[in-house]
């Protein structure tokens, strides 16, 4: 059990939450580079809070798109 927790912690913290949320925000405006995309994907797989932020950003973008129409 501790091994799984340590692996999860190591993979999820290759980038920290502030950087992950910045990347999620930037991803709304421009495509991310390969490295940033992969680091963000790993972080979102393990960080519940950042994954929730990512879903919220997608929801808001879709809602604004529908509002403009």
C-alpha atoms as a PDB file:
ATOM      1  CA  UNK A   1       0.000   0.000   0.000  1.00  0.00           C
ATOM      2  CA  UNK A   2       2.804   2.446   0.824  1.00  0.00           C
ATOM      3  CA  UNK A   3       4.503   1.694  -2.481  1.00  0.00           C
ATOM      4  CA  UNK A   4       1.374   2.694  -4.413  1.00  0.00           C
ATOM      5  CA  UNK A   5       1.049   5.887  -2.387  1.00  0.00           C
ATOM      6  CA  UNK A   6       4.705   6.782  -3.009  1.00  0.00           C
ATOM      7  CA  UNK A   7       4.397   6.143  -6.745  1.00  0.00           C
ATOM      8  CA  UNK A   8       1.211   8.218  -6.891  1.00  0.00           C
ATOM      9  CA  UNK A   9       2.880  11.034  -4.972  1.00  0.00           C
ATOM     10  CA  UNK A  10       5.979  10.981  -7.208  1.00  0.00           C
ATOM     11  CA  UNK A  11       4.023  10.960 -10.470  1.00  0.00           C
ATOM     12  CA  UNK A  12       1.457  13.484  -9.375  1.00  0.00           C
ATOM     13  CA  UNK A  13       4.002  15.997  -8.208  1.00  0.00           C
ATOM     14  CA  UNK A  14       6.270  16.193 -11.203  1.00  0.00           C
ATOM     15  CA  UNK A  15       4.659  19.604 -11.493  1.00  0.00           C
ATOM     16  CA  UNK A  16       2.958  21.414  -8.642  1.00  0.00           C
ATOM     17  CA  UNK A  17      -0.679  22.497  -8.496  1.00  0.00           C
ATOM     18  CA  UNK A  18      -0.088  26.181  -9.301  1.00  0.00           C
ATOM     19  CA  UNK A  19       1.810  25.237 -12.472  1.00  0.00           C
ATOM     20  CA  UNK A  20      -0.825  22.647 -13.396  1.00  0.00           C
ATOM     21  CA  UNK A  21      -3.662  25.175 -13.103  1.00  0.00           C
ATOM     22  CA  UNK A  22      -1.678  27.684 -15.179  1.00  0.00           C
ATOM     23  CA  UNK A  23      -1.229  25.031 -17.864  1.00  0.00           C
ATOM     24  CA  UNK A  24      -4.945  24.191 -17.792  1.00  0.00           C
ATOM     25  CA  UNK A  25      -5.725  27.885 -18.274  1.00  0.00           C
ATOM     26  CA  UNK A  26      -3.153  28.276 -21.048  1.00  0.00           C
ATOM     27  CA  UNK A  27      -4.505  25.178 -22.765  1.00  0.00           C
ATOM     28  CA  UNK A  28      -7.771  27.083 -23.301  1.00  0.00           C
ATOM     29  CA  UNK A  29      -5.924  29.692 -25.364  1.00  0.00           C
ATOM     30  CA  UNK A  30      -3.214  27.765 -27.185  1.00  0.00           C
ATOM     31  CA  UNK A  31      -1.959  24.223 -27.718  1.00  0.00           C
ATOM     32  CA  UNK A  32       0.571  23.058 -25.149  1.00  0.00           C
ATOM     33  CA  UNK A  33       3.915  21.566 -26.065  1.00  0.00           C
ATOM     34  CA  UNK A  34       4.418  17.822 -25.811  1.00  0.00           C
ATOM     35  CA  UNK A  35       6.289  17.911 -22.484  1.00  0.00           C
ATOM     36  CA  UNK A  36       3.792  20.233 -20.775  1.00  0.00           C
ATOM     37  CA  UNK A  37       0.889  18.158 -22.106  1.00  0.00           C
ATOM     38  CA  UNK A  38       2.371  14.941 -20.706  1.00  0.00           C
ATOM     39  CA  UNK A  39       3.278  16.471 -17.338  1.00  0.00           C
ATOM     40  CA  UNK A  40      -0.197  17.938 -17.018  1.00  0.00           C
ATOM     41  CA  UNK A  41      -1.827  14.640 -17.969  1.00  0.00           C
ATOM     42  CA  UNK A  42       0.160  12.834 -15.256  1.00  0.00           C
ATOM     43  CA  UNK A  43      -0.663  15.487 -12.678  1.00  0.00           C
ATOM     44  CA  UNK A  44      -4.381  15.430 -13.493  1.00  0.00           C
ATOM     45  CA  UNK A  45      -4.428  11.642 -13.176  1.00  0.00           C
ATOM     46  CA  UNK A  46      -3.449  11.904  -9.511  1.00  0.00           C
ATOM     47  CA  UNK A  47      -4.603  15.325  -8.277  1.00  0.00           C
ATOM     48  CA  UNK A  48      -8.317  15.456  -7.594  1.00  0.00           C
ATOM     49  CA  UNK A  49      -8.404  19.233  -7.107  1.00  0.00           C
ATOM     50  CA  UNK A  50      -6.646  20.057 -10.372  1.00  0.00           C
ATOM     51  CA  UNK A  51      -8.718  17.506 -12.292  1.00  0.00           C
ATOM     52  CA  UNK A  52     -11.839  19.223 -10.935  1.00  0.00           C
ATOM     53  CA  UNK A  53     -10.464  22.619 -12.019  1.00  0.00           C
ATOM     54  CA  UNK A  54      -9.824  21.195 -15.502  1.00  0.00           C
ATOM     55  CA  UNK A  55     -13.430  19.951 -15.753  1.00  0.00           C
ATOM     56  CA  UNK A  56     -14.733  23.331 -14.556  1.00  0.00           C
ATOM     57  CA  UNK A  57     -12.678  25.173 -17.162  1.00  0.00           C
ATOM     58  CA  UNK A  58     -14.028  22.913 -19.919  1.00  0.00           C
ATOM     59  CA  UNK A  59     -17.580  23.453 -18.679  1.00  0.00           C
ATOM     60  CA  UNK A  60     -17.169  27.242 -18.638  1.00  0.00           C
ATOM     61  CA  UNK A  61     -15.634  27.274 -22.121  1.00  0.00           C
ATOM     62  CA  UNK A  62     -18.514  25.212 -23.515  1.00  0.00           C
ATOM     63  CA  UNK A  63     -21.105  27.373 -21.746  1.00  0.00           C
ATOM     64  CA  UNK A  64     -19.566  30.566 -23.103  1.00  0.00           C
ATOM     65  CA  UNK A  65     -19.482  29.059 -26.583  1.00  0.00           C
ATOM     66  CA  UNK A  66     -23.190  28.302 -26.382  1.00  0.00           C
ATOM     67  CA  UNK A  67     -23.923  31.764 -24.973  1.00  0.00           C
ATOM     68  CA  UNK A  68     -22.219  33.464 -27.936  1.00  0.00           C
ATOM     69  CA  UNK A  69     -24.385  31.580 -30.415  1.00  0.00           C
END
